[in-house]
Amino acid sequence: MDRAKTLDIDDLLKIMVHRYPFLMIDKVIEIEKGVRIKALKNVSYNEPYFQGHFPDKPIMPGVLIVEAMAQAGAVLVNYSSDYNDEFFYLGGIDKARFRKPVRPGDQIIIEMSIVRKKSKVYIVSGECSVSGEQVAEGQFMAVMEKGTI
């Protein structure tokens, strides 16, 4: 079993092509190659979307929670893949559900697992929680493309 206890932001920047304001993961708490990942997103009032997304009662947009889940899944797939010159794109979203609002000051724990791998397609599934309570869940497809960005 290949395990890394954590991946910090410097490690993530080597794996992900996303940059501010679109990098939605702050840290990987635990990763098990080919199996699962547990990542962290700190939600701060300083995030630019809070200025316009219900400014009097700010909540994190659901689409950005989904993006954080997809990025955690992408880190898992890239970390698990034996392909070095390939890049994975989001190929689909299924069964996305939102259970509770996420607010400034919350810390989202994102847990994703590889459900299936077939050739150049991975299916990952998981959930987000805040203080032990589920806030979102979903399933994602990552599709491999030749070459890097």
Protein backbone atom coordinates (compact mmCIF):
# COMPACT_ATOMS: atom_id res chain seq x y z
CA MET A 1 0.00 0.00 0.00
CA ASP A 2 1.50 3.35 -1.11
CA ARG A 3 0.53 6.08 1.36
CA ALA A 4 1.49 9.71 1.78
CA LYS A 5 0.41 11.23 5.07
CA THR A 6 -0.05 14.70 3.56
CA LEU A 7 0.46 16.80 0.48
CA ASP A 8 0.90 20.50 1.21
CA ILE A 9 0.12 23.39 -1.11
CA ASP A 10 3.56 23.18 -2.77
CA ASP A 11 2.93 19.51 -3.62
CA LEU A 12 -0.55 20.33 -4.93
CA LEU A 13 0.79 23.07 -7.19
CA LYS A 14 3.05 20.47 -8.84
CA ILE A 15 0.08 18.14 -9.47
CA MET A 16 -2.69 20.61 -10.32
CA VAL A 17 -2.73 23.17 -13.12
CA HIS A 18 -5.28 25.29 -11.24
CA ARG A 19 -4.17 28.55 -9.58
CA TYR A 20 -5.90 31.28 -7.54
CA PRO A 21 -8.82 31.75 -7.49
CA PHE A 22 -9.58 28.32 -8.94
CA LEU A 23 -7.44 26.04 -6.79
CA MET A 24 -10.08 24.75 -4.37
CA ILE A 25 -7.99 22.41 -2.18
CA ASP A 26 -5.62 23.64 0.53
CA LYS A 27 -4.10 20.36 1.68
CA VAL A 28 -4.30 16.59 1.27
CA ILE A 29 -4.58 15.00 4.70
CA GLU A 30 -4.26 11.41 3.49
CA ILE A 31 -3.94 9.63 0.18
CA GLU A 32 -3.88 5.96 -0.67
CA LYS A 33 -2.68 5.37 -4.23
CA GLY A 34 -5.38 3.90 -6.42
CA VAL A 35 -7.95 3.89 -3.62
CA ARG A 36 -8.90 7.10 -1.79
CA ILE A 37 -8.03 10.65 -0.77
CA LYS A 38 -8.94 12.92 2.12
CA ALA A 39 -8.45 16.63 1.39
CA LEU A 40 -9.11 19.92 3.13
CA LYS A 41 -10.62 23.23 1.98
CA ASN A 42 -10.61 26.17 4.38
CA VAL A 43 -13.50 28.52 3.64
CA SER A 44 -12.63 32.15 4.32
CA TYR A 45 -14.83 35.23 4.10
CA ASN A 46 -12.02 36.75 2.01
CA GLU A 47 -12.90 34.48 -0.93
CA PRO A 48 -14.03 36.71 -3.83
CA TYR A 49 -17.36 34.93 -4.42
CA PHE A 50 -18.75 35.93 -1.01
CA GLN A 51 -19.07 39.56 -2.16
CA GLY A 52 -21.86 38.59 -4.52
CA HIS A 53 -23.24 35.25 -3.29
CA PHE A 54 -25.83 36.23 -0.70
CA PRO A 55 -23.65 39.01 0.82
CA ASP A 56 -25.90 39.43 3.90
CA LYS A 57 -25.90 35.66 4.59
CA PRO A 58 -22.84 34.34 2.74
CA ILE A 59 -22.79 30.68 1.70
CA MET A 60 -20.30 28.93 -0.54
CA PRO A 61 -21.74 28.33 -4.02
CA GLY A 62 -22.60 24.68 -4.59
CA VAL A 63 -20.78 24.68 -7.91
CA LEU A 64 -17.54 25.52 -6.07
CA ILE A 65 -18.09 22.69 -3.60
CA VAL A 66 -18.50 20.39 -6.59
CA GLU A 67 -15.30 21.85 -8.08
CA ALA A 68 -13.42 21.14 -4.82
CA MET A 69 -14.65 17.52 -4.93
CA ALA A 70 -13.66 17.18 -8.59
CA GLN A 71 -10.19 18.60 -7.85
CA ALA A 72 -9.68 16.18 -4.94
CA GLY A 73 -10.69 13.38 -7.30
CA ALA A 74 -8.26 14.71 -9.91
CA VAL A 75 -5.40 14.70 -7.41
CA LEU A 76 -6.24 11.09 -6.52
CA VAL A 77 -6.41 10.05 -10.19
CA ASN A 78 -3.18 11.86 -11.10
CA TYR A 79 -1.43 10.44 -8.04
CA SER A 80 -2.73 6.94 -8.88
CA SER A 81 -2.06 7.00 -12.62
CA ASP A 82 0.98 5.38 -14.17
CA TYR A 83 0.81 7.81 -17.10
CA ASN A 84 3.35 10.62 -16.84
CA ASP A 85 2.61 12.56 -20.01
CA GLU A 86 -1.17 12.53 -19.73
CA PHE A 87 -3.68 15.01 -18.39
CA PHE A 88 -7.11 14.26 -16.93
CA TYR A 89 -10.18 16.36 -17.67
CA LEU A 90 -13.54 16.34 -15.95
CA GLY A 91 -15.72 14.15 -18.12
CA GLY A 92 -18.94 14.14 -16.14
CA ILE A 93 -20.76 14.80 -12.89
CA ASP A 94 -23.45 12.52 -11.55
CA LYS A 95 -25.49 12.24 -8.36
CA ALA A 96 -24.40 15.64 -7.02
CA ARG A 97 -26.40 16.54 -3.92
CA PHE A 98 -26.14 19.35 -1.39
CA ARG A 99 -27.20 18.67 2.18
CA LYS A 100 -26.29 21.80 4.20
CA PRO A 101 -24.88 25.26 3.43
CA VAL A 102 -21.16 25.93 3.81
CA ARG A 103 -20.31 29.27 5.40
CA PRO A 104 -17.18 31.38 5.96
CA GLY A 105 -15.08 29.90 8.74
CA ASP A 106 -16.03 26.31 7.86
CA GLN A 107 -13.43 23.70 7.07
CA ILE A 108 -14.55 21.23 4.40
CA ILE A 109 -13.20 17.68 4.56
CA ILE A 110 -13.40 16.09 1.13
CA GLU A 111 -13.22 12.30 0.91
CA MET A 112 -13.11 10.69 -2.53
CA SER A 113 -12.59 7.09 -3.66
CA ILE A 114 -11.94 5.48 -7.01
CA VAL A 115 -15.03 3.46 -7.88
CA ARG A 116 -13.91 2.16 -11.27
CA LYS A 117 -11.07 2.44 -13.75
CA LYS A 118 -11.51 1.42 -17.35
CA SER A 119 -8.72 2.17 -19.79
CA LYS A 120 -8.35 5.96 -19.74
CA VAL A 121 -11.48 6.71 -17.71
CA TYR A 122 -11.75 6.87 -13.92
CA ILE A 123 -14.95 7.12 -11.90
CA VAL A 124 -14.51 8.70 -8.46
CA SER A 125 -17.16 9.17 -5.82
CA GLY A 126 -17.23 10.92 -2.50
CA GLU A 127 -18.56 13.46 -0.09
CA CYS A 128 -17.78 16.68 1.74
CA SER A 129 -18.36 17.22 5.42
CA VAL A 130 -18.11 20.11 7.86
CA SER A 131 -17.73 19.35 11.57
CA GLY A 132 -18.60 15.70 10.90
CA GLU A 133 -21.84 16.49 9.05
CA GLN A 134 -22.24 15.75 5.35
CA VAL A 135 -22.71 18.90 3.26
CA ALA A 136 -22.41 17.47 -0.28
CA GLU A 137 -21.82 14.31 -2.28
CA GLY A 138 -21.26 13.36 -5.89
CA GLN A 139 -19.69 11.12 -8.49
CA PHE A 140 -17.25 12.29 -11.18
CA MET A 141 -15.68 10.95 -14.34
CA ALA A 142 -12.08 11.81 -15.19
CA VAL A 143 -11.04 11.28 -18.81
CA MET A 144 -7.41 11.10 -19.89
CA GLU A 145 -6.09 13.17 -22.77
CA LYS A 146 -2.72 12.77 -24.46
CA GLY A 147 -0.16 15.44 -23.60
CA THR A 148 -0.15 18.10 -20.92
CA ILE A 149 -1.58 21.58 -20.80
